[in-house]
Amino acid sequence: MDITVQELKERMDAGAADYVLIDVREQYEHEEFNIGGDLVPVGNLMAAIPDLMAHKDEEVVVYCRSGNRSGMAKQLLEVSGFTNVRNLTGGMLAWQASFG
């Protein structure tokens, strides 16, 4: 099940730390604007999976610019054994449209 920007923002504002946040955009996009996720560009994701395996049974939220790359990242993580991956619907475009 994916997650909306409103739901994620509420959890962040409440100080929830029960999820792992991963930004699958490129470095320059992350530097321009980010919401605090760990940067793992989608092109590097497969190589990073061994480092991420400690989180395979935790909730992992992936995001990108619009939700397309993070949708691919979600599939890659699920195929690799991650059990609770959520794609941020609409990505950073939806986040900025909602929260500026």
PDB file of N, CA and C in Angstrom:
ATOM      1  N   MET A   1       0.849  -1.185   0.000  1.00  0.00           N
ATOM      2  CA  MET A   1       0.000   0.000   0.000  1.00  0.00           C
ATOM      3  C   MET A   1       0.892   1.245   0.000  1.00  0.00           C
ATOM      4  N   ASP A   2       0.605   2.172  -0.868  1.00  0.00           N
ATOM      5  CA  ASP A   2       1.387   3.391  -0.956  1.00  0.00           C
ATOM      6  C   ASP A   2       0.988   4.363   0.155  1.00  0.00           C
ATOM      7  N   ILE A   3       1.728   5.472   0.250  1.00  0.00           N
ATOM      8  CA  ILE A   3       1.483   6.459   1.293  1.00  0.00           C
ATOM      9  C   ILE A   3       1.317   7.825   0.631  1.00  0.00           C
ATOM     10  N   THR A   4       0.392   8.628   1.131  1.00  0.00           N
ATOM     11  CA  THR A   4       0.179   9.972   0.581  1.00  0.00           C
ATOM     12  C   THR A   4       1.123  10.958   1.256  1.00  0.00           C
ATOM     13  N   VAL A   5       1.314  12.105   0.603  1.00  0.00           N
ATOM     14  CA  VAL A   5       2.167  13.130   1.200  1.00  0.00           C
ATOM     15  C   VAL A   5       1.552  13.626   2.507  1.00  0.00           C
ATOM     16  N   GLN A   6       0.220  13.692   2.575  1.00  0.00           N
ATOM     17  CA  GLN A   6      -0.434  14.149   3.800  1.00  0.00           C
ATOM     18  C   GLN A   6      -0.174  13.179   4.953  1.00  0.00           C
ATOM     19  N   GLU A   7      -0.288  11.891   4.675  1.00  0.00           N
ATOM     20  CA  GLU A   7      -0.061  10.892   5.719  1.00  0.00           C
ATOM     21  C   GLU A   7       1.387  10.929   6.207  1.00  0.00           C
ATOM     22  N   LEU A   8       2.336  11.016   5.274  1.00  0.00           N
ATOM     23  CA  LEU A   8       3.742  11.061   5.666  1.00  0.00           C
ATOM     24  C   LEU A   8       4.053  12.326   6.454  1.00  0.00           C
ATOM     25  N   LYS A   9       3.525  13.465   6.012  1.00  0.00           N
ATOM     26  CA  LYS A   9       3.773  14.737   6.709  1.00  0.00           C
ATOM     27  C   LYS A   9       3.232  14.674   8.136  1.00  0.00           C
ATOM     28  N   GLU A  10       2.060  14.106   8.324  1.00  0.00           N
ATOM     29  CA  GLU A  10       1.495  13.966   9.669  1.00  0.00           C
ATOM     30  C   GLU A  10       2.403  13.126  10.553  1.00  0.00           C
ATOM     31  N   ARG A  11       2.922  12.047  10.004  1.00  0.00           N
ATOM     32  CA  ARG A  11       3.812  11.184  10.779  1.00  0.00           C
ATOM     33  C   ARG A  11       5.109  11.900  11.113  1.00  0.00           C
ATOM     34  N   MET A  12       5.640  12.656  10.152  1.00  0.00           N
ATOM     35  CA  MET A  12       6.877  13.400  10.399  1.00  0.00           C
ATOM     36  C   MET A  12       6.649  14.471  11.460  1.00  0.00           C
ATOM     37  N   ASP A  13       5.545  15.201  11.346  1.00  0.00           N
ATOM     38  CA  ASP A  13       5.235  16.262  12.304  1.00  0.00           C
ATOM     39  C   ASP A  13       5.026  15.708  13.710  1.00  0.00           C
ATOM     40  N   ALA A  14       4.538  14.475  13.786  1.00  0.00           N
ATOM     41  CA  ALA A  14       4.304  13.839  15.087  1.00  0.00           C
ATOM     42  C   ALA A  14       5.589  13.243  15.668  1.00  0.00           C
ATOM     43  N   GLY A  15       6.669  13.302  14.893  1.00  0.00           N
ATOM     44  CA  GLY A  15       7.942  12.789  15.366  1.00  0.00           C
ATOM     45  C   GLY A  15       8.086  11.286  15.251  1.00  0.00           C
ATOM     46  N   ALA A  16       7.240  10.665  14.445  1.00  0.00           N
ATOM     47  CA  ALA A  16       7.303   9.214  14.278  1.00  0.00           C
ATOM     48  C   ALA A  16       8.654   8.832  13.658  1.00  0.00           C
ATOM     49  N   ALA A  17       9.278   7.815  14.219  1.00  0.00           N
ATOM     50  CA  ALA A  17      10.565   7.353  13.702  1.00  0.00           C
ATOM     51  C   ALA A  17      10.519   5.860  13.431  1.00  0.00           C
ATOM     52  N   ASP A  18       9.323   5.364  13.123  1.00  0.00           N
ATOM     53  CA  ASP A  18       9.134   3.931  12.955  1.00  0.00           C
ATOM     54  C   ASP A  18       9.162   3.501  11.494  1.00  0.00           C
ATOM     55  N   TYR A  19       9.863   4.254  10.659  1.00  0.00           N
ATOM     56  CA  TYR A  19       9.972   3.935   9.246  1.00  0.00           C
ATOM     57  C   TYR A  19      11.330   4.406   8.736  1.00  0.00           C
ATOM     58  N   VAL A  20      11.729   3.863   7.587  1.00  0.00           N
ATOM     59  CA  VAL A  20      12.970   4.253   6.927  1.00  0.00           C
ATOM     60  C   VAL A  20      12.581   5.033   5.676  1.00  0.00           C
ATOM     61  N   LEU A  21      13.159   6.219   5.493  1.00  0.00           N
ATOM     62  CA  LEU A  21      12.821   7.103   4.379  1.00  0.00           C
ATOM     63  C   LEU A  21      13.982   7.119   3.388  1.00  0.00           C
ATOM     64  N   ILE A  22      13.690   6.749   2.133  1.00  0.00           N
ATOM     65  CA  ILE A  22      14.737   6.672   1.114  1.00  0.00           C
ATOM     66  C   ILE A  22      14.354   7.515  -0.096  1.00  0.00           C
ATOM     67  N   ASP A  23      15.264   8.422  -0.459  1.00  0.00           N
ATOM     68  CA  ASP A  23      15.123   9.288  -1.640  1.00  0.00           C
ATOM     69  C   ASP A  23      15.843   8.600  -2.790  1.00  0.00           C
ATOM     70  N   VAL A  24      15.116   8.204  -3.844  1.00  0.00           N
ATOM     71  CA  VAL A  24      15.735   7.486  -4.961  1.00  0.00           C
ATOM     72  C   VAL A  24      16.009   8.398  -6.163  1.00  0.00           C
ATOM     73  N   ARG A  25      15.983   9.713  -5.926  1.00  0.00           N
ATOM     74  CA  ARG A  25      16.293  10.659  -6.998  1.00  0.00           C
ATOM     75  C   ARG A  25      17.814  10.762  -7.158  1.00  0.00           C
ATOM     76  N   GLU A  26      18.244  11.645  -8.043  1.00  0.00           N
ATOM     77  CA  GLU A  26      19.669  11.879  -8.260  1.00  0.00           C
ATOM     78  C   GLU A  26      20.190  12.890  -7.241  1.00  0.00           C
ATOM     79  N   GLN A  27      21.509  12.926  -7.086  1.00  0.00           N
ATOM     80  CA  GLN A  27      22.159  13.804  -6.108  1.00  0.00           C
ATOM     81  C   GLN A  27      21.710  15.265  -6.259  1.00  0.00           C
ATOM     82  N   TYR A  28      21.704  15.783  -7.500  1.00  0.00           N
ATOM     83  CA  TYR A  28      21.359  17.189  -7.697  1.00  0.00           C
ATOM     84  C   TYR A  28      19.915  17.470  -7.277  1.00  0.00           C
ATOM     85  N   GLU A  29      19.005  16.526  -7.490  1.00  0.00           N
ATOM     86  CA  GLU A  29      17.612  16.714  -7.081  1.00  0.00           C
ATOM     87  C   GLU A  29      17.510  16.736  -5.559  1.00  0.00           C
ATOM     88  N   HIS A  30      18.250  15.851  -4.923  1.00  0.00           N
ATOM     89  CA  HIS A  30      18.269  15.761  -3.460  1.00  0.00           C
ATOM     90  C   HIS A  30      18.808  17.063  -2.862  1.00  0.00           C
ATOM     91  N   GLU A  31      19.844  17.621  -3.493  1.00  0.00           N
ATOM     92  CA  GLU A  31      20.441  18.865  -2.999  1.00  0.00           C
ATOM     93  C   GLU A  31      19.501  20.052  -3.176  1.00  0.00           C
ATOM     94  N   GLU A  32      18.698  20.049  -4.249  1.00  0.00           N
ATOM     95  CA  GLU A  32      17.769  21.154  -4.503  1.00  0.00           C
ATOM     96  C   GLU A  32      16.652  21.191  -3.470  1.00  0.00           C
ATOM     97  N   PHE A  33      16.119  20.017  -3.100  1.00  0.00           N
ATOM     98  CA  PHE A  33      15.014  19.939  -2.148  1.00  0.00           C
ATOM     99  C   PHE A  33      14.880  18.507  -1.679  1.00  0.00           C
ATOM    100  N   ASN A  34      14.833  18.310  -0.362  1.00  0.00           N
ATOM    101  CA  ASN A  34      14.579  16.967   0.138  1.00  0.00           C
ATOM    102  C   ASN A  34      13.869  17.057   1.483  1.00  0.00           C
ATOM    103  N   ILE A  35      13.301  15.934   1.888  1.00  0.00           N
ATOM    104  CA  ILE A  35      12.543  15.897   3.141  1.00  0.00           C
ATOM    105  C   ILE A  35      13.240  15.031   4.185  1.00  0.00           C
ATOM    106  N   GLY A  36      14.543  14.822   3.982  1.00  0.00           N
ATOM    107  CA  GLY A  36      15.319  14.131   4.991  1.00  0.00           C
ATOM    108  C   GLY A  36      15.588  12.669   4.747  1.00  0.00           C
ATOM    109  N   GLY A  37      15.195  12.163   3.585  1.00  0.00           N
ATOM    110  CA  GLY A  37      15.444  10.751   3.295  1.00  0.00           C
ATOM    111  C   GLY A  37      16.903  10.491   2.981  1.00  0.00           C
ATOM    112  N   ASP A  38      17.314   9.249   3.189  1.00  0.00           N
ATOM    113  CA  ASP A  38      18.656   8.836   2.800  1.00  0.00           C
ATOM    114  C   ASP A  38      18.700   8.733   1.281  1.00  0.00           C
ATOM    115  N   LEU A  39      19.727   9.313   0.675  1.00  0.00           N
ATOM    116  CA  LEU A  39      19.839   9.322  -0.780  1.00  0.00           C
ATOM    117  C   LEU A  39      20.416   8.008  -1.292  1.00  0.00           C
ATOM    118  N   VAL A  40      19.609   7.285  -2.072  1.00  0.00           N
ATOM    119  CA  VAL A  40      20.040   6.068  -2.768  1.00  0.00           C
ATOM    120  C   VAL A  40      19.419   6.146  -4.164  1.00  0.00           C
ATOM    121  N   PRO A  41      20.124   6.792  -5.130  1.00  0.00           N
ATOM    122  CA  PRO A  41      19.547   6.910  -6.472  1.00  0.00           C
ATOM    123  C   PRO A  41      19.107   5.550  -7.006  1.00  0.00           C
ATOM    124  N   VAL A  42      17.979   5.537  -7.712  1.00  0.00           N
ATOM    125  CA  VAL A  42      17.406   4.267  -8.168  1.00  0.00           C
ATOM    126  C   VAL A  42      18.411   3.452  -8.979  1.00  0.00           C
ATOM    127  N   GLY A  43      19.294   4.115  -9.713  1.00  0.00           N
ATOM    128  CA  GLY A  43      20.311   3.404 -10.486  1.00  0.00           C
ATOM    129  C   GLY A  43      21.327   2.687  -9.617  1.00  0.00           C
ATOM    130  N   ASN A  44      21.445   3.091  -8.361  1.00  0.00           N
ATOM    131  CA  ASN A  44      22.394   2.484  -7.420  1.00  0.00           C
ATOM    132  C   ASN A  44      21.707   1.548  -6.434  1.00  0.00           C
ATOM    133  N   LEU A  45      20.398   1.415  -6.551  1.00  0.00           N
ATOM    134  CA  LEU A  45      19.626   0.701  -5.531  1.00  0.00           C
ATOM    135  C   LEU A  45      20.027  -0.757  -5.391  1.00  0.00           C
ATOM    136  N   MET A  46      20.192  -1.462  -6.493  1.00  0.00           N
ATOM    137  CA  MET A  46      20.527  -2.881  -6.398  1.00  0.00           C
ATOM    138  C   MET A  46      21.854  -3.078  -5.662  1.00  0.00           C
ATOM    139  N   ALA A  47      22.824  -2.216  -5.917  1.00  0.00           N
ATOM    140  CA  ALA A  47      24.114  -2.320  -5.240  1.00  0.00           C
ATOM    141  C   ALA A  47      23.991  -1.993  -3.750  1.00  0.00           C
ATOM    142  N   ALA A  48      23.005  -1.175  -3.396  1.00  0.00           N
ATOM    143  CA  ALA A  48      22.829  -0.755  -1.999  1.00  0.00           C
ATOM    144  C   ALA A  48      21.989  -1.734  -1.180  1.00  0.00           C
ATOM    145  N   ILE A  49      21.337  -2.675  -1.828  1.00  0.00           N
ATOM    146  CA  ILE A  49      20.423  -3.576  -1.108  1.00  0.00           C
ATOM    147  C   ILE A  49      21.106  -4.320   0.039  1.00  0.00           C
ATOM    148  N   PRO A  50      22.329  -4.826  -0.128  1.00  0.00           N
ATOM    149  CA  PRO A  50      22.945  -5.492   1.030  1.00  0.00           C
ATOM    150  C   PRO A  50      23.038  -4.579   2.262  1.00  0.00           C
ATOM    151  N   ASP A  51      23.311  -3.300   2.047  1.00  0.00           N
ATOM    152  CA  ASP A  51      23.384  -2.353   3.164  1.00  0.00           C
ATOM    153  C   ASP A  51      22.015  -2.058   3.755  1.00  0.00           C
ATOM    154  N   LEU A  52      20.973  -2.200   2.951  1.00  0.00           N
ATOM    155  CA  LEU A  52      19.609  -1.897   3.402  1.00  0.00           C
ATOM    156  C   LEU A  52      18.902  -3.098   4.025  1.00  0.00           C
ATOM    157  N   MET A  53      19.483  -4.284   3.909  1.00  0.00           N
ATOM    158  CA  MET A  53      18.812  -5.504   4.364  1.00  0.00           C
ATOM    159  C   MET A  53      18.441  -5.474   5.847  1.00  0.00           C
ATOM    160  N   ALA A  54      19.151  -4.688   6.639  1.00  0.00           N
ATOM    161  CA  ALA A  54      18.808  -4.587   8.063  1.00  0.00           C
ATOM    162  C   ALA A  54      17.389  -4.052   8.248  1.00  0.00           C
ATOM    163  N   HIS A  55      16.862  -3.402   7.212  1.00  0.00           N
ATOM    164  CA  HIS A  55      15.531  -2.783   7.283  1.00  0.00           C
ATOM    165  C   HIS A  55      14.466  -3.588   6.534  1.00  0.00           C
ATOM    166  N   LYS A  56      14.778  -4.822   6.112  1.00  0.00           N
ATOM    167  CA  LYS A  56      13.870  -5.536   5.213  1.00  0.00           C
ATOM    168  C   LYS A  56      12.506  -5.837   5.825  1.00  0.00           C
ATOM    169  N   ASP A  57      12.420  -5.903   7.147  1.00  0.00           N
ATOM    170  CA  ASP A  57      11.128  -6.167   7.792  1.00  0.00           C
ATOM    171  C   ASP A  57      10.516  -4.919   8.417  1.00  0.00           C
ATOM    172  N   GLU A  58      11.156  -3.767   8.202  1.00  0.00           N
ATOM    173  CA  GLU A  58      10.630  -2.501   8.697  1.00  0.00           C
ATOM    174  C   GLU A  58       9.817  -1.827   7.585  1.00  0.00           C
ATOM    175  N   GLU A  59       9.076  -0.798   7.963  1.00  0.00           N
ATOM    176  CA  GLU A  59       8.386  -0.008   6.950  1.00  0.00           C
ATOM    177  C   GLU A  59       9.410   0.879   6.248  1.00  0.00           C
ATOM    178  N   VAL A  60       9.456   0.779   4.942  1.00  0.00           N
ATOM    179  CA  VAL A  60      10.377   1.575   4.131  1.00  0.00           C
ATOM    180  C   VAL A  60       9.535   2.442   3.207  1.00  0.00           C
ATOM    181  N   VAL A  61       9.743   3.760   3.265  1.00  0.00           N
ATOM    182  CA  VAL A  61       9.033   4.697   2.383  1.00  0.00           C
ATOM    183  C   VAL A  61      10.040   5.215   1.366  1.00  0.00           C
ATOM    184  N   VAL A  62       9.731   5.005   0.079  1.00  0.00           N
ATOM    185  CA  VAL A  62      10.597   5.484  -0.994  1.00  0.00           C
ATOM    186  C   VAL A  62       9.911   6.647  -1.718  1.00  0.00           C
ATOM    187  N   TYR A  63      10.730   7.621  -2.140  1.00  0.00           N
ATOM    188  CA  TYR A  63      10.161   8.750  -2.875  1.00  0.00           C
ATOM    189  C   TYR A  63      11.116   9.245  -3.940  1.00  0.00           C
ATOM    190  N   CYS A  64      10.526   9.907  -4.941  1.00  0.00           N
ATOM    191  CA  CYS A  64      11.285  10.522  -6.023  1.00  0.00           C
ATOM    192  C   CYS A  64      10.581  11.827  -6.415  1.00  0.00           C
ATOM    193  N   ARG A  65      10.759  12.259  -7.628  1.00  0.00           N
ATOM    194  CA  ARG A  65      10.144  13.506  -8.076  1.00  0.00           C
ATOM    195  C   ARG A  65       8.636  13.370  -8.213  1.00  0.00           C
ATOM    196  N   SER A  66       8.185  12.292  -8.895  1.00  0.00           N
ATOM    197  CA  SER A  66       6.763  12.174  -9.203  1.00  0.00           C
ATOM    198  C   SER A  66       6.121  10.869  -8.737  1.00  0.00           C
ATOM    199  N   GLY A  67       6.928   9.921  -8.317  1.00  0.00           N
ATOM    200  CA  GLY A  67       6.408   8.628  -7.901  1.00  0.00           C
ATOM    201  C   GLY A  67       6.729   7.503  -8.856  1.00  0.00           C
ATOM    202  N   ASN A  68       7.275   7.816 -10.039  1.00  0.00           N
ATOM    203  CA  ASN A  68       7.582   6.770 -11.014  1.00  0.00           C
ATOM    204  C   ASN A  68       8.832   5.976 -10.643  1.00  0.00           C
ATOM    205  N   ARG A  69       9.948   6.676 -10.417  1.00  0.00           N
ATOM    206  CA  ARG A  69      11.180   5.971 -10.047  1.00  0.00           C
ATOM    207  C   ARG A  69      11.019   5.257  -8.714  1.00  0.00           C
ATOM    208  N   SER A  70      10.334   5.886  -7.778  1.00  0.00           N
ATOM    209  CA  SER A  70      10.148   5.224  -6.483  1.00  0.00           C
ATOM    210  C   SER A  70       9.224   4.015  -6.618  1.00  0.00           C
ATOM    211  N   GLY A  71       8.334   4.030  -7.598  1.00  0.00           N
ATOM    212  CA  GLY A  71       7.524   2.849  -7.870  1.00  0.00           C
ATOM    213  C   GLY A  71       8.392   1.688  -8.323  1.00  0.00           C
ATOM    214  N   MET A  72       9.381   1.991  -9.179  1.00  0.00           N
ATOM    215  CA  MET A  72      10.329   0.954  -9.612  1.00  0.00           C
ATOM    216  C   MET A  72      11.170   0.493  -8.427  1.00  0.00           C
ATOM    217  N   ALA A  73      11.603   1.439  -7.594  1.00  0.00           N
ATOM    218  CA  ALA A  73      12.402   1.101  -6.422  1.00  0.00           C
ATOM    219  C   ALA A  73      11.618   0.197  -5.479  1.00  0.00           C
ATOM    220  N   LYS A  74      10.347   0.489  -5.312  1.00  0.00           N
ATOM    221  CA  LYS A  74       9.487  -0.344  -4.459  1.00  0.00           C
ATOM    222  C   LYS A  74       9.491  -1.777  -4.965  1.00  0.00           C
ATOM    223  N   GLN A  75       9.320  -1.955  -6.269  1.00  0.00           N
ATOM    224  CA  GLN A  75       9.305  -3.298  -6.849  1.00  0.00           C
ATOM    225  C   GLN A  75      10.642  -4.007  -6.647  1.00  0.00           C
ATOM    226  N   LEU A  76      11.747  -3.290  -6.861  1.00  0.00           N
ATOM    227  CA  LEU A  76      13.069  -3.882  -6.680  1.00  0.00           C
ATOM    228  C   LEU A  76      13.269  -4.338  -5.235  1.00  0.00           C
ATOM    229  N   LEU A  77      12.849  -3.508  -4.294  1.00  0.00           N
ATOM    230  CA  LEU A  77      12.996  -3.862  -2.880  1.00  0.00           C
ATOM    231  C   LEU A  77      12.123  -5.062  -2.525  1.00  0.00           C
ATOM    232  N   GLU A  78      10.899  -5.069  -3.028  1.00  0.00           N
ATOM    233  CA  GLU A  78       9.998  -6.199  -2.733  1.00  0.00           C
ATOM    234  C   GLU A  78      10.538  -7.504  -3.297  1.00  0.00           C
ATOM    235  N   VAL A  79      11.063  -7.458  -4.510  1.00  0.00           N
ATOM    236  CA  VAL A  79      11.643  -8.656  -5.131  1.00  0.00           C
ATOM    237  C   VAL A  79      12.860  -9.134  -4.325  1.00  0.00           C
ATOM    238  N   SER A  80      13.515  -8.188  -3.653  1.00  0.00           N
ATOM    239  CA  SER A  80      14.707  -8.513  -2.860  1.00  0.00           C
ATOM    240  C   SER A  80      14.365  -8.959  -1.444  1.00  0.00           C
ATOM    241  N   GLY A  81      13.076  -9.073  -1.131  1.00  0.00           N
ATOM    242  CA  GLY A  81      12.678  -9.615   0.158  1.00  0.00           C
ATOM    243  C   GLY A  81      12.175  -8.607   1.176  1.00  0.00           C
ATOM    244  N   PHE A  82      12.070  -7.345   0.795  1.00  0.00           N
ATOM    245  CA  PHE A  82      11.537  -6.341   1.721  1.00  0.00           C
ATOM    246  C   PHE A  82      10.024  -6.539   1.832  1.00  0.00           C
ATOM    247  N   THR A  83       9.512  -6.498   3.047  1.00  0.00           N
ATOM    248  CA  THR A  83       8.134  -6.915   3.279  1.00  0.00           C
ATOM    249  C   THR A  83       7.135  -5.777   3.424  1.00  0.00           C
ATOM    250  N   ASN A  84       7.610  -4.530   3.619  1.00  0.00           N
ATOM    251  CA  ASN A  84       6.681  -3.428   3.869  1.00  0.00           C
ATOM    252  C   ASN A  84       7.198  -2.146   3.225  1.00  0.00           C
ATOM    253  N   VAL A  85       7.156  -2.092   1.893  1.00  0.00           N
ATOM    254  CA  VAL A  85       7.660  -0.936   1.146  1.00  0.00           C
ATOM    255  C   VAL A  85       6.481  -0.104   0.669  1.00  0.00           C
ATOM    256  N   ARG A  86       6.565   1.206   0.887  1.00  0.00           N
ATOM    257  CA  ARG A  86       5.495   2.111   0.468  1.00  0.00           C
ATOM    258  C   ARG A  86       6.066   3.215  -0.418  1.00  0.00           C
ATOM    259  N   ASN A  87       5.400   3.475  -1.512  1.00  0.00           N
ATOM    260  CA  ASN A  87       5.789   4.525  -2.450  1.00  0.00           C
ATOM    261  C   ASN A  87       5.040   5.807  -2.074  1.00  0.00           C
ATOM    262  N   LEU A  88       5.767   6.921  -2.014  1.00  0.00           N
ATOM    263  CA  LEU A  88       5.136   8.212  -1.733  1.00  0.00           C
ATOM    264  C   LEU A  88       4.406   8.682  -2.986  1.00  0.00           C
ATOM    265  N   THR A  89       3.085   8.638  -2.957  1.00  0.00           N
ATOM    266  CA  THR A  89       2.247   8.977  -4.105  1.00  0.00           C
ATOM    267  C   THR A  89       2.477  10.430  -4.530  1.00  0.00           C
ATOM    268  N   GLY A  90       2.855  10.614  -5.790  1.00  0.00           N
ATOM    269  CA  GLY A  90       3.059  11.958  -6.330  1.00  0.00           C
ATOM    270  C   GLY A  90       4.427  12.534  -6.052  1.00  0.00           C
ATOM    271  N   GLY A  91       5.211  11.894  -5.196  1.00  0.00           N
ATOM    272  CA  GLY A  91       6.584  12.307  -4.927  1.00  0.00           C
ATOM    273  C   GLY A  91       6.730  13.745  -4.450  1.00  0.00           C
ATOM    274  N   MET A  92       7.889  14.315  -4.761  1.00  0.00           N
ATOM    275  CA  MET A  92       8.204  15.670  -4.306  1.00  0.00           C
ATOM    276  C   MET A  92       7.350  16.722  -5.003  1.00  0.00           C
ATOM    277  N   LEU A  93       6.842  16.427  -6.193  1.00  0.00           N
ATOM    278  CA  LEU A  93       5.931  17.374  -6.842  1.00  0.00           C
ATOM    279  C   LEU A  93       4.664  17.539  -5.993  1.00  0.00           C
ATOM    280  N   ALA A  94       4.112  16.426  -5.521  1.00  0.00           N
ATOM    281  CA  ALA A  94       2.911  16.490  -4.686  1.00  0.00           C
ATOM    282  C   ALA A  94       3.229  17.124  -3.337  1.00  0.00           C
ATOM    283  N   TRP A  95       4.412  16.830  -2.804  1.00  0.00           N
ATOM    284  CA  TRP A  95       4.810  17.405  -1.506  1.00  0.00           C
ATOM    285  C   TRP A  95       4.885  18.927  -1.616  1.00  0.00           C
ATOM    286  N   GLN A  96       5.570  19.420  -2.646  1.00  0.00           N
ATOM    287  CA  GLN A  96       5.726  20.866  -2.797  1.00  0.00           C
ATOM    288  C   GLN A  96       4.405  21.539  -3.128  1.00  0.00           C
ATOM    289  N   ALA A  97       3.529  20.865  -3.886  1.00  0.00           N
ATOM    290  CA  ALA A  97       2.225  21.428  -4.199  1.00  0.00           C
ATOM    291  C   ALA A  97       1.372  21.534  -2.929  1.00  0.00           C
ATOM    292  N   SER A  98       1.535  20.576  -2.012  1.00  0.00           N
ATOM    293  CA  SER A  98       0.737  20.565  -0.795  1.00  0.00           C
ATOM    294  C   SER A  98       1.302  21.445   0.312  1.00  0.00           C
ATOM    295  N   PHE A  99       2.642  21.461   0.423  1.00  0.00           N
ATOM    296  CA  PHE A  99       3.247  22.106   1.593  1.00  0.00           C
ATOM    297  C   PHE A  99       4.235  23.215   1.245  1.00  0.00           C
ATOM    298  N   GLY A 100       4.427  23.485  -0.045  1.00  0.00           N
ATOM    299  CA  GLY A 100       5.305  24.579  -0.450  1.00  0.00           C
ATOM    300  C   GLY A 100       6.763  24.306  -0.420  1.00  0.00           C
TER     301      GLY A 100
END
